[in-house]
Amino acid sequence: MTELIIALDIADGQAASNLARRLAPVGALLKVGYEGLFGYPGEIRATFRELGARVFVDAKLCDIPRTVEAAMRALIEPGVEIINVHAFGGAAMMRAAVAAAARRAQELAMTVPPRVFAVTVLTSVAGEDLDDIGLHGEAADHVVRLALLARTAGCAGVVCSALEVPRIKAACGAGFQTICPGIRPAGSPHGDQKRVVSPRDAAELGADFIVVGRPILQAPDPAGAARAILEELGSVTQPR
């Protein structure tokens, strides 16, 4: 079954902690990104420890291998189930990240080391955006190429649009996992996302995880909105 990741992309640390307390009982993973990692890292990490939350550290690490190794040591702690790097950092960097995550988990006596995922092409990028950065052709072609590179480097999976999941599974195998942002329930505005699908469509396409932020965080009842998405995911029996 496709799992839900809730993106706590919030500028205020107290607000993020309050929402984490409301959303942790839902059972989804909680994602901390740049706002939390740079704005209030101590506060949100203390909240996660207090709650025993399942955590996705959305760091998108991309640097020389030694620097990424050091970042892994700083970011991984018990409760962190997923952490990501950027595939554009190359195979050597991704291998270093996977090895560092395993070593750090062993040092902390974590039963299961965090899974390292590689970001491929951001779901806010499409069409002319790709041309502007020198990636000519279809986004899906670049995503699959980067997914194959991430697999050879030992990553557990990639971050991609749900639209690309079938091609990734075909190329990399069913066990190679996918985290899919750009998810919008029916009637929700797309915001800055371009390659967008609904939770049901993502599950039917075979996504292992979907990431949802604003449609949950801005709902009158965030926990209720999250549970509604979980119910929608639970009604999907298999990929297309």
Protein backbone atom coordinates (compact mmCIF):
# COMPACT_ATOMS: atom_id res chain seq x y z
CA MET A 1 0.00 0.00 0.00
CA THR A 2 1.17 3.52 -0.77
CA GLU A 3 2.28 5.37 2.36
CA LEU A 4 1.66 9.04 3.18
CA ILE A 5 4.38 11.55 4.02
CA ILE A 6 3.17 14.87 5.44
CA ALA A 7 5.39 17.81 4.55
CA LEU A 8 5.81 20.16 7.52
CA ASP A 9 6.97 23.00 5.28
CA ILE A 10 6.23 25.79 7.75
CA ALA A 11 8.26 28.90 8.52
CA ASP A 12 7.46 29.05 12.25
CA GLY A 13 8.97 26.45 14.56
CA GLN A 14 6.23 26.54 17.17
CA ALA A 15 3.53 26.15 14.51
CA ALA A 16 5.42 23.22 13.00
CA SER A 17 5.75 21.53 16.38
CA ASN A 18 2.08 22.05 17.14
CA LEU A 19 1.07 20.54 13.81
CA ALA A 20 3.45 17.63 14.33
CA ARG A 21 1.70 16.86 17.62
CA ARG A 22 -1.69 16.92 15.88
CA LEU A 23 -0.54 14.83 12.93
CA ALA A 24 1.76 12.22 14.51
CA PRO A 25 -1.16 10.05 15.71
CA VAL A 26 -2.26 9.63 12.09
CA GLY A 27 0.73 7.31 11.59
CA ALA A 28 2.19 8.96 8.48
CA LEU A 29 5.82 9.96 8.14
CA LEU A 30 6.54 13.60 8.91
CA LYS A 31 8.84 15.45 6.52
CA VAL A 32 11.16 18.23 7.66
CA GLY A 33 12.68 20.30 4.87
CA TYR A 34 14.76 23.42 4.48
CA GLU A 35 12.55 25.65 6.64
CA GLY A 36 12.90 23.37 9.64
CA LEU A 37 16.47 22.21 9.01
CA PHE A 38 17.76 25.78 8.71
CA GLY A 39 15.18 27.74 10.70
CA TYR A 40 14.50 25.75 13.87
CA PRO A 41 16.39 22.42 13.74
CA GLY A 42 16.72 21.92 17.49
CA GLU A 43 13.07 22.61 18.18
CA ILE A 44 11.61 20.33 15.51
CA ARG A 45 14.03 17.50 16.23
CA ALA A 46 13.16 17.67 19.94
CA THR A 47 9.47 17.51 19.02
CA PHE A 48 10.03 14.47 16.83
CA ARG A 49 11.91 12.73 19.64
CA GLU A 50 9.13 13.56 22.10
CA LEU A 51 6.52 12.10 19.76
CA GLY A 52 8.53 9.10 18.60
CA ALA A 53 7.64 10.28 15.11
CA ARG A 54 8.54 8.58 11.85
CA VAL A 55 10.71 11.14 10.06
CA PHE A 56 11.78 11.92 6.50
CA VAL A 57 14.70 14.38 6.45
CA ASP A 58 14.28 16.20 3.14
CA ALA A 59 17.83 17.57 2.96
CA LYS A 60 18.48 17.03 -0.78
CA LEU A 61 22.19 16.78 -0.02
CA CYS A 62 24.42 17.56 -3.00
CA ASP A 63 28.13 18.15 -2.39
CA ILE A 64 31.45 16.33 -2.47
CA PRO A 65 31.28 12.85 -0.91
CA ARG A 66 33.14 13.79 2.30
CA THR A 67 30.81 16.70 3.00
CA VAL A 68 27.74 14.56 2.39
CA GLU A 69 29.13 11.92 4.77
CA ALA A 70 29.48 14.60 7.46
CA ALA A 71 25.96 15.85 6.85
CA MET A 72 24.59 12.34 7.24
CA ARG A 73 26.24 12.08 10.66
CA ALA A 74 24.68 15.38 11.70
CA LEU A 75 21.18 14.67 10.43
CA ILE A 76 20.53 11.03 11.26
CA GLU A 77 19.12 10.10 14.66
CA PRO A 78 16.66 7.46 15.89
CA GLY A 79 13.28 7.99 14.24
CA VAL A 80 14.72 9.06 10.90
CA GLU A 81 13.48 6.48 8.41
CA ILE A 82 14.31 8.29 5.17
CA ILE A 83 16.88 10.88 4.14
CA ASN A 84 17.58 12.12 0.64
CA VAL A 85 20.40 13.34 -1.54
CA HIS A 86 20.36 14.79 -5.05
CA ALA A 87 21.18 12.40 -7.88
CA PHE A 88 23.01 15.20 -9.70
CA GLY A 89 25.74 14.81 -7.06
CA GLY A 90 26.84 11.67 -8.91
CA ALA A 91 27.32 8.00 -8.15
CA ALA A 92 30.33 8.40 -5.84
CA MET A 93 28.45 10.89 -3.68
CA MET A 94 25.38 8.66 -3.49
CA ARG A 95 27.49 5.63 -2.54
CA ALA A 96 29.15 7.68 0.19
CA ALA A 97 25.74 8.76 1.49
CA VAL A 98 24.44 5.19 1.65
CA ALA A 99 27.57 3.97 3.43
CA ALA A 100 27.52 6.90 5.89
CA ALA A 101 23.86 6.31 6.72
CA ALA A 102 24.56 2.66 7.48
CA ARG A 103 27.57 3.51 9.67
CA ARG A 104 25.69 6.19 11.58
CA ALA A 105 22.74 3.90 12.19
CA GLN A 106 25.11 1.26 13.56
CA GLU A 107 26.73 3.79 15.89
CA LEU A 108 23.29 4.77 17.19
CA ALA A 109 22.16 1.14 17.50
CA MET A 110 19.28 1.76 15.14
CA THR A 111 17.61 -1.52 14.22
CA VAL A 112 17.08 -0.44 10.62
CA PRO A 113 19.28 2.18 8.93
CA PRO A 114 17.53 5.07 7.19
CA ARG A 115 16.77 4.53 3.55
CA VAL A 116 18.62 6.90 1.25
CA PHE A 117 16.59 8.24 -1.68
CA ALA A 118 17.90 10.31 -4.57
CA VAL A 119 16.04 13.32 -5.94
CA THR A 120 15.80 13.11 -9.75
CA VAL A 121 13.99 16.01 -11.46
CA LEU A 122 11.94 18.29 -9.21
CA THR A 123 8.18 18.12 -9.78
CA SER A 124 8.17 21.92 -10.13
CA VAL A 125 10.29 21.57 -13.30
CA ALA A 126 8.97 20.73 -16.77
CA GLY A 127 9.18 21.72 -20.42
CA GLU A 128 11.14 24.92 -20.95
CA ASP A 129 12.57 24.71 -17.42
CA LEU A 130 14.51 21.62 -18.48
CA ASP A 131 15.84 23.36 -21.58
CA ASP A 132 16.98 26.30 -19.45
CA ILE A 133 19.23 24.05 -17.36
CA GLY A 134 20.52 22.08 -20.33
CA LEU A 135 18.39 18.96 -19.94
CA HIS A 136 16.87 18.57 -23.38
CA GLY A 137 14.06 16.11 -24.00
CA GLU A 138 11.36 14.66 -21.79
CA ALA A 139 11.60 14.84 -17.99
CA ALA A 140 10.80 11.14 -17.72
CA ASP A 141 13.89 10.19 -19.76
CA HIS A 142 16.17 12.09 -17.39
CA VAL A 143 14.36 10.70 -14.35
CA VAL A 144 14.82 7.08 -15.46
CA ARG A 145 18.50 7.66 -16.26
CA LEU A 146 19.10 9.14 -12.81
CA ALA A 147 17.08 6.37 -11.16
CA LEU A 148 19.30 3.74 -12.76
CA LEU A 149 22.37 5.61 -11.50
CA ALA A 150 20.90 5.82 -7.99
CA ARG A 151 20.14 2.11 -7.98
CA THR A 152 23.72 1.21 -8.93
CA ALA A 153 24.93 3.50 -6.11
CA GLY A 154 22.88 1.55 -3.56
CA CYS A 155 20.02 3.98 -2.95
CA ALA A 156 16.70 2.53 -1.81
CA GLY A 157 14.81 4.58 -4.37
CA VAL A 158 14.23 7.98 -5.89
CA VAL A 159 12.09 11.06 -5.52
CA CYS A 160 10.11 11.62 -8.71
CA SER A 161 6.72 12.45 -10.14
CA ALA A 162 4.16 9.66 -9.87
CA LEU A 163 3.81 9.95 -13.65
CA GLU A 164 7.29 8.43 -13.97
CA VAL A 165 6.81 5.55 -11.52
CA PRO A 166 5.82 2.87 -14.06
CA ARG A 167 8.92 3.52 -16.18
CA ILE A 168 11.16 3.54 -13.09
CA LYS A 169 9.75 0.25 -11.84
CA ALA A 170 10.16 -1.29 -15.28
CA ALA A 171 13.79 -0.14 -15.51
CA CYS A 172 14.92 -0.61 -11.90
CA GLY A 173 12.66 -3.36 -10.57
CA ALA A 174 9.52 -3.39 -8.43
CA GLY A 175 11.55 -3.29 -5.20
CA PHE A 176 13.19 0.02 -6.09
CA GLN A 177 11.03 2.52 -4.23
CA THR A 178 9.56 5.86 -5.22
CA ILE A 179 8.65 8.96 -3.20
CA CYS A 180 6.29 11.21 -5.11
CA PRO A 181 5.70 14.90 -4.36
CA GLY A 182 3.43 16.98 -6.60
CA ILE A 183 0.34 15.31 -5.11
CA ARG A 184 -2.87 17.30 -5.04
CA PRO A 185 -6.29 15.97 -3.96
CA ALA A 186 -9.13 16.80 -6.34
CA GLY A 187 -9.98 20.51 -6.23
CA SER A 188 -6.69 21.57 -4.60
CA PRO A 189 -4.65 24.31 -6.32
CA HIS A 190 -1.41 23.13 -7.93
CA GLY A 191 0.67 26.02 -6.53
CA ASP A 192 4.25 25.76 -7.84
CA GLN A 193 3.92 22.11 -8.83
CA LYS A 194 3.77 21.18 -12.53
CA ARG A 195 3.90 17.37 -12.83
CA VAL A 196 0.88 16.75 -10.61
CA VAL A 197 -1.43 13.79 -9.87
CA SER A 198 -4.05 12.91 -7.24
CA PRO A 199 -3.37 10.55 -4.31
CA ARG A 200 -5.49 7.83 -5.92
CA ASP A 201 -3.74 8.18 -9.28
CA ALA A 202 -0.32 8.04 -7.60
CA ALA A 203 -1.25 4.83 -5.79
CA GLU A 204 -2.63 3.30 -8.98
CA LEU A 205 0.61 4.18 -10.76
CA GLY A 206 2.54 2.26 -8.09
CA ALA A 207 4.05 5.03 -5.93
CA ASP A 208 5.47 3.69 -2.67
CA PHE A 209 5.16 7.05 -0.86
CA ILE A 210 3.34 10.28 -1.65
CA VAL A 211 4.22 13.66 -0.16
CA VAL A 212 1.38 16.05 0.70
CA GLY A 213 1.86 19.42 2.38
CA ARG A 214 -0.41 22.40 1.86
CA PRO A 215 -3.66 20.46 1.22
CA ILE A 216 -3.23 18.99 4.71
CA LEU A 217 -1.56 21.84 6.58
CA GLN A 218 -4.06 24.46 5.35
CA ALA A 219 -7.16 22.32 5.94
CA PRO A 220 -9.52 23.31 8.80
CA ASP A 221 -8.85 19.86 10.28
CA PRO A 222 -5.32 18.77 9.23
CA ALA A 223 -5.53 15.35 10.88
CA GLY A 224 -8.90 14.73 9.26
CA ALA A 225 -7.52 15.73 5.86
CA ALA A 226 -4.60 13.34 6.33
CA ARG A 227 -6.92 10.49 7.32
CA ALA A 228 -9.08 11.14 4.25
CA ILE A 229 -6.01 10.75 2.03
CA LEU A 230 -5.05 7.55 3.85
CA GLU A 231 -8.54 6.18 3.24
CA GLU A 232 -8.23 7.06 -0.44
CA LEU A 233 -4.88 5.27 -0.63
CA GLY A 234 -6.28 2.26 1.19
CA SER A 235 -9.03 1.85 -1.39
CA VAL A 236 -6.50 1.23 -4.17
CA THR A 237 -5.69 -2.45 -4.48
CA GLN A 238 -2.88 -2.54 -7.06
CA PRO A 239 -0.99 -0.49 -9.64
CA ARG A 240 -2.36 -0.18 -13.13
